[in-house]
Amino acid sequence: MADKVKIWFDAEADYLEVQFAEAAGRMQETRHDSVMERVDAQGRVIGFSVMGVSRFKKDKPLEAELVSPANPVIVREKPKKKYGKPKTDE
């Protein structure tokens, strides 16, 4: 966990940003269309932003999953062609 967290809120833009670390990073999409996550060069989450903050109700919290690609899931298709030596009936 970060020692210090920086939080910015722009009421006019209806935008909130939270930063866990002061490091270079890039914003990337999350599964929630109002939330972006900031990741560093190694893919670790170092912050997030929320657009349209005022539309969320006080009694129902916004839930979003921030995912660090440290352990990415790799999906591969099954090869259509079989490789290797063909079987013989010897």
Protein backbone atom coordinates (compact mmCIF):
# COMPACT_ATOMS: atom_id res chain seq x y z
CA MET A 1 0.00 0.00 0.00
CA ALA A 2 1.18 3.52 -0.75
CA ASP A 3 2.47 5.75 2.05
CA LYS A 4 0.73 8.76 0.52
CA VAL A 5 -2.19 8.98 -1.83
CA LYS A 6 -2.86 12.04 -3.98
CA ILE A 7 -6.46 12.86 -4.86
CA TRP A 8 -7.68 15.42 -7.39
CA PHE A 9 -11.29 16.41 -7.93
CA ASP A 10 -12.46 18.75 -10.68
CA ALA A 11 -16.10 19.65 -9.99
CA GLU A 12 -16.53 21.45 -13.32
CA ALA A 13 -15.29 18.43 -15.29
CA ASP A 14 -16.96 16.00 -12.84
CA TYR A 15 -13.67 14.08 -12.65
CA LEU A 16 -11.82 12.38 -9.78
CA GLU A 17 -8.28 11.02 -9.92
CA VAL A 18 -6.40 9.04 -7.25
CA GLN A 19 -2.67 8.41 -7.51
CA PHE A 20 -0.88 5.81 -5.37
CA ALA A 21 2.65 6.54 -6.64
CA GLU A 22 4.46 9.38 -8.34
CA ALA A 23 5.67 7.50 -11.36
CA ALA A 24 5.34 7.78 -15.09
CA GLY A 25 2.37 5.83 -16.31
CA ARG A 26 -0.40 5.51 -18.82
CA MET A 27 -4.16 5.32 -18.51
CA GLN A 28 -5.98 2.21 -19.69
CA GLU A 29 -9.60 1.13 -19.76
CA THR A 30 -11.24 -1.08 -17.14
CA ARG A 31 -14.43 -3.12 -17.35
CA HIS A 32 -16.34 -0.14 -15.91
CA ASP A 33 -16.88 2.53 -18.56
CA SER A 34 -16.44 5.39 -16.04
CA VAL A 35 -13.16 4.15 -14.56
CA MET A 36 -9.66 4.22 -16.04
CA GLU A 37 -6.61 2.77 -14.30
CA ARG A 38 -3.12 4.25 -14.40
CA VAL A 39 -0.35 1.66 -14.80
CA ASP A 40 3.43 2.00 -14.78
CA ALA A 41 5.90 0.53 -17.29
CA GLN A 42 5.76 -2.87 -15.50
CA GLY A 43 1.96 -2.93 -15.61
CA ARG A 44 1.39 -2.27 -11.90
CA VAL A 45 -1.65 -0.17 -11.01
CA ILE A 46 -0.46 3.18 -9.65
CA GLY A 47 -3.77 5.04 -9.67
CA PHE A 48 -7.21 5.41 -11.17
CA SER A 49 -9.68 8.01 -12.37
CA VAL A 50 -13.47 8.24 -12.35
CA MET A 51 -15.40 10.27 -14.91
CA GLY A 52 -18.91 11.48 -14.19
CA VAL A 53 -18.54 11.19 -10.42
CA SER A 54 -21.73 13.09 -9.57
CA ARG A 55 -24.01 10.60 -11.32
CA PHE A 56 -23.28 7.90 -8.72
CA LYS A 57 -25.69 7.75 -5.80
CA LYS A 58 -24.45 8.26 -2.26
CA ASP A 59 -26.12 5.12 -0.96
CA LYS A 60 -24.73 2.84 -3.69
CA PRO A 61 -20.94 2.80 -3.99
CA LEU A 62 -19.15 2.59 -7.30
CA GLU A 63 -17.44 -0.78 -7.67
CA ALA A 64 -14.69 -1.36 -10.20
CA GLU A 65 -11.92 -3.90 -10.51
CA LEU A 66 -8.39 -2.62 -11.07
CA VAL A 67 -6.34 -5.34 -12.68
CA SER A 68 -2.59 -5.41 -12.85
CA PRO A 69 -1.32 -7.52 -15.75
CA ALA A 70 1.45 -9.02 -13.61
CA ASN A 71 -0.16 -12.44 -14.11
CA PRO A 72 -1.89 -12.17 -17.48
CA VAL A 73 -4.15 -14.89 -18.75
CA ILE A 74 -3.04 -16.12 -22.14
CA VAL A 75 -5.65 -17.74 -24.33
CA ARG A 76 -4.52 -19.76 -27.32
CA GLU A 77 -6.59 -21.40 -29.99
CA LYS A 78 -6.22 -25.12 -30.59
CA PRO A 79 -4.08 -25.63 -33.72
CA LYS A 80 -6.03 -26.73 -36.78
CA LYS A 81 -3.11 -28.69 -38.15
CA LYS A 82 -1.42 -31.51 -36.22
CA TYR A 83 2.33 -31.19 -35.93
CA GLY A 84 4.98 -33.83 -35.31
CA LYS A 85 5.67 -37.24 -36.82
CA PRO A 86 2.67 -39.07 -38.23
CA LYS A 87 1.74 -42.32 -36.49
CA THR A 88 2.48 -45.53 -38.37
CA ASP A 89 0.88 -48.95 -37.97
CA GLU A 90 4.15 -50.81 -37.40
